[in-house]
């Protein structure tokens, strides 16, 4: 038992480290989905630059869909005046009542911090926004953003530090993401809402805006459709083992530190919007 826990810990550590200097090229696991003339391949395909000007942004997606895993991307965000510019890394299903797990980076005027917004959609229902500032400048260097997804919890990570946990609470009627999802990333015009509620618009004189992506290996269980997703719950995948059913004590301390210092909006605490807290918010960690 002790050996297996150490082995799994090493695997997770190696996964995070690998994302910073992977030899896997973009084309092996990913494809460009839109804005084809706004995408540049760098470093023999180990880095992708998405650009946005007034004519278009750009997007990318994994070639396969997945039913569980630990998914991550190293990113460097647009610098200078990025108000209204949205850079994303997320998982999404392509169905009428879709599942989605979002990292959305909302730009700001030069000298003001980015906002990181996360969201969870399950069976078509979202509106679970949490927003925070980061403890570093995400435009200066690459940082790794990750999502652990198994049948017990979803954990959002920034540089291997947990910043959000969404537990499986189906037992009290809360929908939980259970559809195969693609990994996607994009750079797009969100100035109708992204900065100061849409009051601060994009300054197009700073275009083109550029976001950089690295780390194209994928640690996930491929699932073609809902009928094949059951195989992705197997304990043979390290991210499904009991160690990853909840945060360990060190992660819990890191998580609470982030929550106390950096979170500036949590839908669970918004009594104007939710006079009665949604059920998943009750007794949350």
C-alpha atoms as a PDB file:
ATOM      1  CA  UNK A   1       0.000   0.000   0.000  1.00  0.00           C
ATOM      2  CA  UNK A   2       2.773   2.452   0.980  1.00  0.00           C
ATOM      3  CA  UNK A   3       4.663   1.787  -2.235  1.00  0.00           C
ATOM      4  CA  UNK A   4       1.568   2.360  -4.380  1.00  0.00           C
ATOM      5  CA  UNK A   5       0.845   5.702  -2.686  1.00  0.00           C
ATOM      6  CA  UNK A   6       4.423   6.857  -3.251  1.00  0.00           C
ATOM      7  CA  UNK A   7       4.254   5.718  -6.862  1.00  0.00           C
ATOM      8  CA  UNK A   8       1.038   7.610  -7.498  1.00  0.00           C
ATOM      9  CA  UNK A   9       2.489  10.729  -5.863  1.00  0.00           C
ATOM     10  CA  UNK A  10       5.501  10.516  -8.139  1.00  0.00           C
ATOM     11  CA  UNK A  11       3.256  10.123 -11.153  1.00  0.00           C
ATOM     12  CA  UNK A  12       1.346  13.290 -10.273  1.00  0.00           C
ATOM     13  CA  UNK A  13       4.554  15.220  -9.669  1.00  0.00           C
ATOM     14  CA  UNK A  14       5.985  14.010 -12.973  1.00  0.00           C
ATOM     15  CA  UNK A  15       2.796  15.008 -14.778  1.00  0.00           C
ATOM     16  CA  UNK A  16       3.031  18.575 -13.524  1.00  0.00           C
ATOM     17  CA  UNK A  17       6.751  18.834 -14.281  1.00  0.00           C
ATOM     18  CA  UNK A  18       6.276  17.342 -17.760  1.00  0.00           C
ATOM     19  CA  UNK A  19       3.791  20.050 -18.695  1.00  0.00           C
ATOM     20  CA  UNK A  20       6.544  22.636 -18.434  1.00  0.00           C
ATOM     21  CA  UNK A  21       8.894  21.029 -20.922  1.00  0.00           C
ATOM     22  CA  UNK A  22       7.087  18.345 -22.867  1.00  0.00           C
ATOM     23  CA  UNK A  23       8.448  16.934 -26.098  1.00  0.00           C
ATOM     24  CA  UNK A  24       4.943  16.092 -27.296  1.00  0.00           C
ATOM     25  CA  UNK A  25       3.951  18.314 -30.194  1.00  0.00           C
ATOM     26  CA  UNK A  26       0.596  20.017 -30.528  1.00  0.00           C
ATOM     27  CA  UNK A  27      -0.493  17.968 -33.558  1.00  0.00           C
ATOM     28  CA  UNK A  28      -0.234  14.651 -31.712  1.00  0.00           C
ATOM     29  CA  UNK A  29      -3.187  15.299 -29.414  1.00  0.00           C
ATOM     30  CA  UNK A  30      -4.699  18.607 -30.487  1.00  0.00           C
ATOM     31  CA  UNK A  31      -6.078  20.470 -33.495  1.00  0.00           C
ATOM     32  CA  UNK A  32      -6.962  24.070 -34.361  1.00  0.00           C
ATOM     33  CA  UNK A  33     -10.739  24.577 -34.372  1.00  0.00           C
ATOM     34  CA  UNK A  34     -11.181  28.192 -35.512  1.00  0.00           C
ATOM     35  CA  UNK A  35      -9.161  31.293 -36.366  1.00  0.00           C
ATOM     36  CA  UNK A  36      -6.726  29.183 -38.378  1.00  0.00           C
ATOM     37  CA  UNK A  37      -4.810  32.229 -39.655  1.00  0.00           C
ATOM     38  CA  UNK A  38      -4.420  33.472 -36.062  1.00  0.00           C
ATOM     39  CA  UNK A  39      -2.441  30.440 -34.857  1.00  0.00           C
ATOM     40  CA  UNK A  40       1.342  30.104 -34.919  1.00  0.00           C
ATOM     41  CA  UNK A  41       3.298  26.944 -34.116  1.00  0.00           C
ATOM     42  CA  UNK A  42       6.587  27.542 -32.280  1.00  0.00           C
ATOM     43  CA  UNK A  43       9.480  25.407 -31.021  1.00  0.00           C
ATOM     44  CA  UNK A  44       8.758  22.515 -33.399  1.00  0.00           C
ATOM     45  CA  UNK A  45       5.114  22.364 -32.344  1.00  0.00           C
ATOM     46  CA  UNK A  46       5.786  22.305 -28.605  1.00  0.00           C
ATOM     47  CA  UNK A  47       4.299  25.775 -28.199  1.00  0.00           C
ATOM     48  CA  UNK A  48       1.232  27.342 -29.813  1.00  0.00           C
ATOM     49  CA  UNK A  49       0.529  31.051 -30.033  1.00  0.00           C
ATOM     50  CA  UNK A  50      -3.083  32.182 -30.428  1.00  0.00           C
ATOM     51  CA  UNK A  51      -3.591  35.760 -31.613  1.00  0.00           C
ATOM     52  CA  UNK A  52      -6.594  38.049 -31.597  1.00  0.00           C
ATOM     53  CA  UNK A  53      -7.236  41.224 -33.532  1.00  0.00           C
ATOM     54  CA  UNK A  54     -10.470  42.964 -34.460  1.00  0.00           C
ATOM     55  CA  UNK A  55     -11.151  40.398 -37.181  1.00  0.00           C
ATOM     56  CA  UNK A  56     -10.846  37.169 -35.159  1.00  0.00           C
ATOM     57  CA  UNK A  57      -9.472  35.261 -32.208  1.00  0.00           C
ATOM     58  CA  UNK A  58      -8.610  31.557 -32.286  1.00  0.00           C
ATOM     59  CA  UNK A  59      -9.284  28.237 -30.618  1.00  0.00           C
ATOM     60  CA  UNK A  60      -7.865  24.749 -30.168  1.00  0.00           C
ATOM     61  CA  UNK A  61      -9.226  21.402 -28.980  1.00  0.00           C
ATOM     62  CA  UNK A  62      -8.110  17.878 -28.205  1.00  0.00           C
ATOM     63  CA  UNK A  63      -8.731  15.332 -30.951  1.00  0.00           C
ATOM     64  CA  UNK A  64     -10.429  12.965 -28.482  1.00  0.00           C
ATOM     65  CA  UNK A  65     -12.954  13.282 -25.664  1.00  0.00           C
ATOM     66  CA  UNK A  66     -12.291  11.978 -22.169  1.00  0.00           C
ATOM     67  CA  UNK A  67     -14.305  10.567 -19.275  1.00  0.00           C
ATOM     68  CA  UNK A  68     -11.879  11.142 -16.387  1.00  0.00           C
ATOM     69  CA  UNK A  69      -8.321  12.263 -15.850  1.00  0.00           C
ATOM     70  CA  UNK A  70      -5.902  14.950 -14.810  1.00  0.00           C
ATOM     71  CA  UNK A  71      -5.844  17.605 -17.545  1.00  0.00           C
ATOM     72  CA  UNK A  72      -3.463  20.516 -17.654  1.00  0.00           C
ATOM     73  CA  UNK A  73      -2.013  23.228 -19.831  1.00  0.00           C
ATOM     74  CA  UNK A  74       0.867  25.657 -19.329  1.00  0.00           C
ATOM     75  CA  UNK A  75      -0.108  29.135 -20.435  1.00  0.00           C
ATOM     76  CA  UNK A  76       1.272  32.648 -20.689  1.00  0.00           C
ATOM     77  CA  UNK A  77      -1.451  35.271 -21.025  1.00  0.00           C
ATOM     78  CA  UNK A  78      -1.675  38.450 -23.145  1.00  0.00           C
ATOM     79  CA  UNK A  79       0.236  41.302 -21.508  1.00  0.00           C
ATOM     80  CA  UNK A  80      -0.079  45.088 -21.326  1.00  0.00           C
ATOM     81  CA  UNK A  81      -3.625  46.407 -21.771  1.00  0.00           C
ATOM     82  CA  UNK A  82      -5.764  43.260 -22.072  1.00  0.00           C
ATOM     83  CA  UNK A  83      -9.119  44.605 -20.846  1.00  0.00           C
ATOM     84  CA  UNK A  84     -12.012  42.742 -22.476  1.00  0.00           C
ATOM     85  CA  UNK A  85      -9.748  39.936 -23.706  1.00  0.00           C
ATOM     86  CA  UNK A  86     -10.645  36.421 -22.534  1.00  0.00           C
ATOM     87  CA  UNK A  87      -8.186  33.506 -22.583  1.00  0.00           C
ATOM     88  CA  UNK A  88      -9.562  30.071 -21.728  1.00  0.00           C
ATOM     89  CA  UNK A  89      -8.623  26.499 -20.905  1.00  0.00           C
ATOM     90  CA  UNK A  90     -11.560  24.193 -20.267  1.00  0.00           C
ATOM     91  CA  UNK A  91     -13.265  20.836 -20.686  1.00  0.00           C
ATOM     92  CA  UNK A  92     -16.613  20.659 -22.460  1.00  0.00           C
ATOM     93  CA  UNK A  93     -19.046  18.104 -23.825  1.00  0.00           C
ATOM     94  CA  UNK A  94     -20.886  18.737 -27.061  1.00  0.00           C
ATOM     95  CA  UNK A  95     -24.465  17.942 -26.117  1.00  0.00           C
ATOM     96  CA  UNK A  96     -27.733  19.787 -25.548  1.00  0.00           C
ATOM     97  CA  UNK A  97     -27.411  19.633 -21.747  1.00  0.00           C
ATOM     98  CA  UNK A  98     -23.673  19.994 -21.650  1.00  0.00           C
ATOM     99  CA  UNK A  99     -21.020  19.524 -18.980  1.00  0.00           C
ATOM    100  CA  UNK A 100     -18.163  22.028 -18.760  1.00  0.00           C
ATOM    101  CA  UNK A 101     -15.251  22.854 -16.446  1.00  0.00           C
ATOM    102  CA  UNK A 102     -13.823  26.331 -17.059  1.00  0.00           C
ATOM    103  CA  UNK A 103     -10.688  28.332 -16.509  1.00  0.00           C
ATOM    104  CA  UNK A 104     -11.434  31.813 -17.897  1.00  0.00           C
ATOM    105  CA  UNK A 105      -8.755  34.500 -17.609  1.00  0.00           C
ATOM    106  CA  UNK A 106     -10.295  37.969 -17.804  1.00  0.00           C
ATOM    107  CA  UNK A 107      -7.936  40.697 -18.924  1.00  0.00           C
ATOM    108  CA  UNK A 108      -7.639  44.179 -17.442  1.00  0.00           C
ATOM    109  CA  UNK A 109      -6.170  47.616 -18.015  1.00  0.00           C
ATOM    110  CA  UNK A 110      -2.389  47.709 -17.848  1.00  0.00           C
ATOM    111  CA  UNK A 111      -1.209  47.686 -14.242  1.00  0.00           C
ATOM    112  CA  UNK A 112      -4.396  46.067 -12.944  1.00  0.00           C
ATOM    113  CA  UNK A 113      -4.528  42.338 -12.168  1.00  0.00           C
ATOM    114  CA  UNK A 114      -6.125  39.593 -14.228  1.00  0.00           C
ATOM    115  CA  UNK A 115      -9.202  37.895 -12.829  1.00  0.00           C
ATOM    116  CA  UNK A 116      -9.358  34.103 -12.980  1.00  0.00           C
ATOM    117  CA  UNK A 117     -12.942  32.883 -13.200  1.00  0.00           C
ATOM    118  CA  UNK A 118     -13.794  29.208 -12.807  1.00  0.00           C
ATOM    119  CA  UNK A 119     -17.159  27.634 -13.497  1.00  0.00           C
ATOM    120  CA  UNK A 120     -18.772  24.192 -13.381  1.00  0.00           C
ATOM    121  CA  UNK A 121     -21.599  23.111 -15.681  1.00  0.00           C
ATOM    122  CA  UNK A 122     -23.407  19.814 -15.155  1.00  0.00           C
ATOM    123  CA  UNK A 123     -26.291  18.631 -17.331  1.00  0.00           C
ATOM    124  CA  UNK A 124     -26.645  22.105 -18.809  1.00  0.00           C
ATOM    125  CA  UNK A 125     -26.667  24.038 -15.535  1.00  0.00           C
ATOM    126  CA  UNK A 126     -23.844  26.436 -14.773  1.00  0.00           C
ATOM    127  CA  UNK A 127     -23.925  29.760 -12.922  1.00  0.00           C
ATOM    128  CA  UNK A 128     -21.343  28.452 -10.440  1.00  0.00           C
ATOM    129  CA  UNK A 129     -18.783  31.206 -10.895  1.00  0.00           C
ATOM    130  CA  UNK A 130     -15.878  31.777  -8.563  1.00  0.00           C
ATOM    131  CA  UNK A 131     -13.426  34.609  -9.203  1.00  0.00           C
ATOM    132  CA  UNK A 132      -9.997  35.321  -7.813  1.00  0.00           C
ATOM    133  CA  UNK A 133      -6.768  37.217  -8.356  1.00  0.00           C
ATOM    134  CA  UNK A 134      -3.556  35.245  -8.751  1.00  0.00           C
ATOM    135  CA  UNK A 135      -0.468  35.552  -6.564  1.00  0.00           C
ATOM    136  CA  UNK A 136       1.778  36.128  -9.593  1.00  0.00           C
ATOM    137  CA  UNK A 137       1.743  37.921 -12.942  1.00  0.00           C
ATOM    138  CA  UNK A 138       0.314  35.360 -15.427  1.00  0.00           C
ATOM    139  CA  UNK A 139       1.673  37.359 -18.370  1.00  0.00           C
ATOM    140  CA  UNK A 140       5.345  37.211 -17.329  1.00  0.00           C
ATOM    141  CA  UNK A 141       5.943  33.455 -17.487  1.00  0.00           C
ATOM    142  CA  UNK A 142       4.244  30.146 -18.167  1.00  0.00           C
ATOM    143  CA  UNK A 143       2.138  28.707 -15.344  1.00  0.00           C
ATOM    144  CA  UNK A 144       0.339  25.374 -15.238  1.00  0.00           C
ATOM    145  CA  UNK A 145      -3.427  25.145 -14.836  1.00  0.00           C
ATOM    146  CA  UNK A 146      -4.958  21.751 -14.169  1.00  0.00           C
ATOM    147  CA  UNK A 147      -8.255  19.947 -13.623  1.00  0.00           C
ATOM    148  CA  UNK A 148      -8.556  16.638 -11.788  1.00  0.00           C
ATOM    149  CA  UNK A 149     -11.840  14.904 -12.636  1.00  0.00           C
ATOM    150  CA  UNK A 150     -12.952  11.617 -11.169  1.00  0.00           C
ATOM    151  CA  UNK A 151     -16.204  10.271  -9.747  1.00  0.00           C
ATOM    152  CA  UNK A 152     -15.524  11.730  -6.302  1.00  0.00           C
ATOM    153  CA  UNK A 153     -14.347  15.264  -6.934  1.00  0.00           C
ATOM    154  CA  UNK A 154     -13.253  17.890  -9.418  1.00  0.00           C
ATOM    155  CA  UNK A 155     -10.239  19.940  -8.370  1.00  0.00           C
ATOM    156  CA  UNK A 156      -8.937  23.034 -10.145  1.00  0.00           C
ATOM    157  CA  UNK A 157      -5.191  23.587  -9.706  1.00  0.00           C
ATOM    158  CA  UNK A 158      -2.848  26.511 -10.320  1.00  0.00           C
ATOM    159  CA  UNK A 159       0.784  25.355 -10.332  1.00  0.00           C
ATOM    160  CA  UNK A 160      -0.323  22.221  -8.458  1.00  0.00           C
ATOM    161  CA  UNK A 161      -2.055  24.252  -5.710  1.00  0.00           C
ATOM    162  CA  UNK A 162      -5.783  23.474  -5.389  1.00  0.00           C
ATOM    163  CA  UNK A 163      -7.915  26.600  -5.793  1.00  0.00           C
ATOM    164  CA  UNK A 164     -11.377  25.051  -6.148  1.00  0.00           C
ATOM    165  CA  UNK A 165     -13.066  21.785  -5.218  1.00  0.00           C
ATOM    166  CA  UNK A 166     -16.426  20.561  -6.530  1.00  0.00           C
ATOM    167  CA  UNK A 167     -17.475  17.363  -4.766  1.00  0.00           C
ATOM    168  CA  UNK A 168     -19.771  14.715  -6.206  1.00  0.00           C
ATOM    169  CA  UNK A 169     -23.006  15.285  -4.271  1.00  0.00           C
ATOM    170  CA  UNK A 170     -25.412  13.336  -6.413  1.00  0.00           C
ATOM    171  CA  UNK A 171     -26.667  11.764  -3.182  1.00  0.00           C
ATOM    172  CA  UNK A 172     -28.415  15.086  -2.387  1.00  0.00           C
ATOM    173  CA  UNK A 173     -29.589  15.717  -5.955  1.00  0.00           C
ATOM    174  CA  UNK A 174     -26.714  17.840  -7.293  1.00  0.00           C
ATOM    175  CA  UNK A 175     -25.846  17.108 -10.932  1.00  0.00           C
ATOM    176  CA  UNK A 176     -22.222  16.081 -11.500  1.00  0.00           C
ATOM    177  CA  UNK A 177     -20.282  16.183 -14.813  1.00  0.00           C
ATOM    178  CA  UNK A 178     -20.481  12.694 -16.324  1.00  0.00           C
ATOM    179  CA  UNK A 179     -20.334  13.175 -20.099  1.00  0.00           C
ATOM    180  CA  UNK A 180     -17.232  12.736 -22.281  1.00  0.00           C
ATOM    181  CA  UNK A 181     -15.521  16.100 -22.661  1.00  0.00           C
ATOM    182  CA  UNK A 182     -12.976  17.597 -25.029  1.00  0.00           C
ATOM    183  CA  UNK A 183     -10.115  19.784 -23.822  1.00  0.00           C
ATOM    184  CA  UNK A 184     -10.294  23.232 -25.377  1.00  0.00           C
ATOM    185  CA  UNK A 185      -8.497  26.552 -25.290  1.00  0.00           C
ATOM    186  CA  UNK A 186      -9.246  29.898 -26.886  1.00  0.00           C
ATOM    187  CA  UNK A 187      -8.553  33.603 -27.124  1.00  0.00           C
ATOM    188  CA  UNK A 188     -11.586  35.767 -27.841  1.00  0.00           C
ATOM    189  CA  UNK A 189     -13.379  39.102 -27.546  1.00  0.00           C
ATOM    190  CA  UNK A 190     -15.338  39.189 -24.288  1.00  0.00           C
ATOM    191  CA  UNK A 191     -15.568  42.927 -23.797  1.00  0.00           C
ATOM    192  CA  UNK A 192     -19.363  42.784 -23.459  1.00  0.00           C
ATOM    193  CA  UNK A 193     -18.888  41.279 -19.975  1.00  0.00           C
ATOM    194  CA  UNK A 194     -15.322  40.347 -19.035  1.00  0.00           C
ATOM    195  CA  UNK A 195     -13.871  43.514 -17.467  1.00  0.00           C
ATOM    196  CA  UNK A 196     -15.838  45.698 -15.032  1.00  0.00           C
ATOM    197  CA  UNK A 197     -19.035  43.970 -16.115  1.00  0.00           C
ATOM    198  CA  UNK A 198     -18.466  45.022 -19.727  1.00  0.00           C
ATOM    199  CA  UNK A 199     -17.906  48.716 -18.987  1.00  0.00           C
ATOM    200  CA  UNK A 200     -14.192  48.553 -19.860  1.00  0.00           C
ATOM    201  CA  UNK A 201     -13.766  47.783 -23.548  1.00  0.00           C
ATOM    202  CA  UNK A 202     -10.921  46.370 -25.618  1.00  0.00           C
ATOM    203  CA  UNK A 203      -8.317  48.903 -26.712  1.00  0.00           C
ATOM    204  CA  UNK A 204      -7.666  47.617 -30.221  1.00  0.00           C
ATOM    205  CA  UNK A 205      -4.556  49.776 -30.626  1.00  0.00           C
ATOM    206  CA  UNK A 206      -2.804  47.088 -28.517  1.00  0.00           C
ATOM    207  CA  UNK A 207      -3.771  44.304 -30.938  1.00  0.00           C
ATOM    208  CA  UNK A 208      -2.774  41.688 -31.784  1.00  0.00           C
ATOM    209  CA  UNK A 209      -3.226  40.131 -28.361  1.00  0.00           C
ATOM    210  CA  UNK A 210      -1.275  36.892 -27.933  1.00  0.00           C
ATOM    211  CA  UNK A 211      -1.674  33.891 -25.633  1.00  0.00           C
ATOM    212  CA  UNK A 212       0.866  31.054 -25.517  1.00  0.00           C
ATOM    213  CA  UNK A 213       0.121  27.390 -24.745  1.00  0.00           C
ATOM    214  CA  UNK A 214       2.503  24.531 -23.874  1.00  0.00           C
ATOM    215  CA  UNK A 215       2.252  21.028 -22.447  1.00  0.00           C
ATOM    216  CA  UNK A 216       0.248  18.971 -24.919  1.00  0.00           C
ATOM    217  CA  UNK A 217       0.453  15.533 -23.306  1.00  0.00           C
ATOM    218  CA  UNK A 218      -2.909  14.363 -21.972  1.00  0.00           C
ATOM    219  CA  UNK A 219      -3.486  12.262 -18.851  1.00  0.00           C
ATOM    220  CA  UNK A 220      -7.020  11.076 -19.435  1.00  0.00           C
ATOM    221  CA  UNK A 221      -9.242   8.099 -20.228  1.00  0.00           C
ATOM    222  CA  UNK A 222     -10.565   8.452 -23.781  1.00  0.00           C
ATOM    223  CA  UNK A 223     -14.327   7.971 -24.118  1.00  0.00           C
ATOM    224  CA  UNK A 224     -16.133   8.031 -27.438  1.00  0.00           C
ATOM    225  CA  UNK A 225     -19.634   8.433 -26.016  1.00  0.00           C
ATOM    226  CA  UNK A 226     -21.741   8.068 -22.866  1.00  0.00           C
ATOM    227  CA  UNK A 227     -21.942   4.294 -23.278  1.00  0.00           C
ATOM    228  CA  UNK A 228     -18.148   3.931 -23.064  1.00  0.00           C
ATOM    229  CA  UNK A 229     -17.522   6.264 -20.127  1.00  0.00           C
ATOM    230  CA  UNK A 230     -17.902   3.564 -17.448  1.00  0.00           C
ATOM    231  CA  UNK A 231     -14.432   2.237 -18.260  1.00  0.00           C
ATOM    232  CA  UNK A 232     -13.053   5.635 -17.232  1.00  0.00           C
ATOM    233  CA  UNK A 233     -14.036   5.044 -13.598  1.00  0.00           C
ATOM    234  CA  UNK A 234     -11.581   2.144 -13.248  1.00  0.00           C
ATOM    235  CA  UNK A 235      -9.178   2.292 -10.264  1.00  0.00           C
ATOM    236  CA  UNK A 236      -6.448   1.247 -12.680  1.00  0.00           C
ATOM    237  CA  UNK A 237      -6.185   4.950 -13.569  1.00  0.00           C
ATOM    238  CA  UNK A 238      -4.125   6.696 -10.876  1.00  0.00           C
ATOM    239  CA  UNK A 239      -6.451   9.704 -10.708  1.00  0.00           C
ATOM    240  CA  UNK A 240      -9.306   7.381  -9.670  1.00  0.00           C
ATOM    241  CA  UNK A 241      -7.444   5.821  -6.731  1.00  0.00           C
ATOM    242  CA  UNK A 242      -8.563   6.589  -3.187  1.00  0.00           C
ATOM    243  CA  UNK A 243      -5.747   9.082  -2.669  1.00  0.00           C
ATOM    244  CA  UNK A 244      -7.534  11.429  -5.092  1.00  0.00           C
ATOM    245  CA  UNK A 245     -11.016  11.161  -3.602  1.00  0.00           C
ATOM    246  CA  UNK A 246     -10.288  14.165  -1.397  1.00  0.00           C
ATOM    247  CA  UNK A 247      -7.508  16.649  -0.696  1.00  0.00           C
ATOM    248  CA  UNK A 248      -4.730  15.513   1.586  1.00  0.00           C
ATOM    249  CA  UNK A 249      -3.840  17.613   4.644  1.00  0.00           C
ATOM    250  CA  UNK A 250      -1.152  19.651   2.850  1.00  0.00           C
ATOM    251  CA  UNK A 251      -3.460  20.369  -0.094  1.00  0.00           C
ATOM    252  CA  UNK A 252      -6.263  21.298   2.290  1.00  0.00           C
ATOM    253  CA  UNK A 253      -4.037  23.914   3.950  1.00  0.00           C
ATOM    254  CA  UNK A 254      -2.992  25.305   0.561  1.00  0.00           C
ATOM    255  CA  UNK A 255      -6.604  25.381  -0.570  1.00  0.00           C
ATOM    256  CA  UNK A 256      -7.779  27.238   2.530  1.00  0.00           C
ATOM    257  CA  UNK A 257      -4.936  29.735   2.186  1.00  0.00           C
ATOM    258  CA  UNK A 258      -5.945  30.511  -1.410  1.00  0.00           C
ATOM    259  CA  UNK A 259      -9.604  30.814  -0.421  1.00  0.00           C
ATOM    260  CA  UNK A 260      -8.800  33.223   2.386  1.00  0.00           C
ATOM    261  CA  UNK A 261      -6.362  35.440   0.471  1.00  0.00           C
ATOM    262  CA  UNK A 262      -7.336  35.512  -3.184  1.00  0.00           C
ATOM    263  CA  UNK A 263     -11.025  34.672  -3.774  1.00  0.00           C
ATOM    264  CA  UNK A 264     -13.091  37.815  -4.369  1.00  0.00           C
ATOM    265  CA  UNK A 265     -16.376  36.268  -5.559  1.00  0.00           C
ATOM    266  CA  UNK A 266     -18.071  32.951  -4.815  1.00  0.00           C
ATOM    267  CA  UNK A 267     -21.593  32.215  -6.010  1.00  0.00           C
ATOM    268  CA  UNK A 268     -22.127  30.200  -2.828  1.00  0.00           C
ATOM    269  CA  UNK A 269     -21.853  33.422  -0.798  1.00  0.00           C
ATOM    270  CA  UNK A 270     -23.983  35.601  -3.097  1.00  0.00           C
ATOM    271  CA  UNK A 271     -27.199  35.997  -1.093  1.00  0.00           C
ATOM    272  CA  UNK A 272     -28.657  38.530  -3.521  1.00  0.00           C
ATOM    273  CA  UNK A 273     -28.422  35.993  -6.299  1.00  0.00           C
ATOM    274  CA  UNK A 274     -29.093  32.909  -4.159  1.00  0.00           C
ATOM    275  CA  UNK A 275     -31.106  33.807  -1.013  1.00  0.00           C
ATOM    276  CA  UNK A 276     -31.047  30.080  -0.297  1.00  0.00           C
ATOM    277  CA  UNK A 277     -27.574  28.648  -1.021  1.00  0.00           C
ATOM    278  CA  UNK A 278     -27.492  25.971  -3.740  1.00  0.00           C
ATOM    279  CA  UNK A 279     -27.319  22.490  -2.173  1.00  0.00           C
ATOM    280  CA  UNK A 280     -23.754  21.833  -3.328  1.00  0.00           C
ATOM    281  CA  UNK A 281     -22.634  24.844  -1.256  1.00  0.00           C
ATOM    282  CA  UNK A 282     -23.857  23.413   2.030  1.00  0.00           C
ATOM    283  CA  UNK A 283     -21.222  21.805   4.210  1.00  0.00           C
ATOM    284  CA  UNK A 284     -18.663  22.496   1.491  1.00  0.00           C
ATOM    285  CA  UNK A 285     -14.968  22.311   2.204  1.00  0.00           C
END
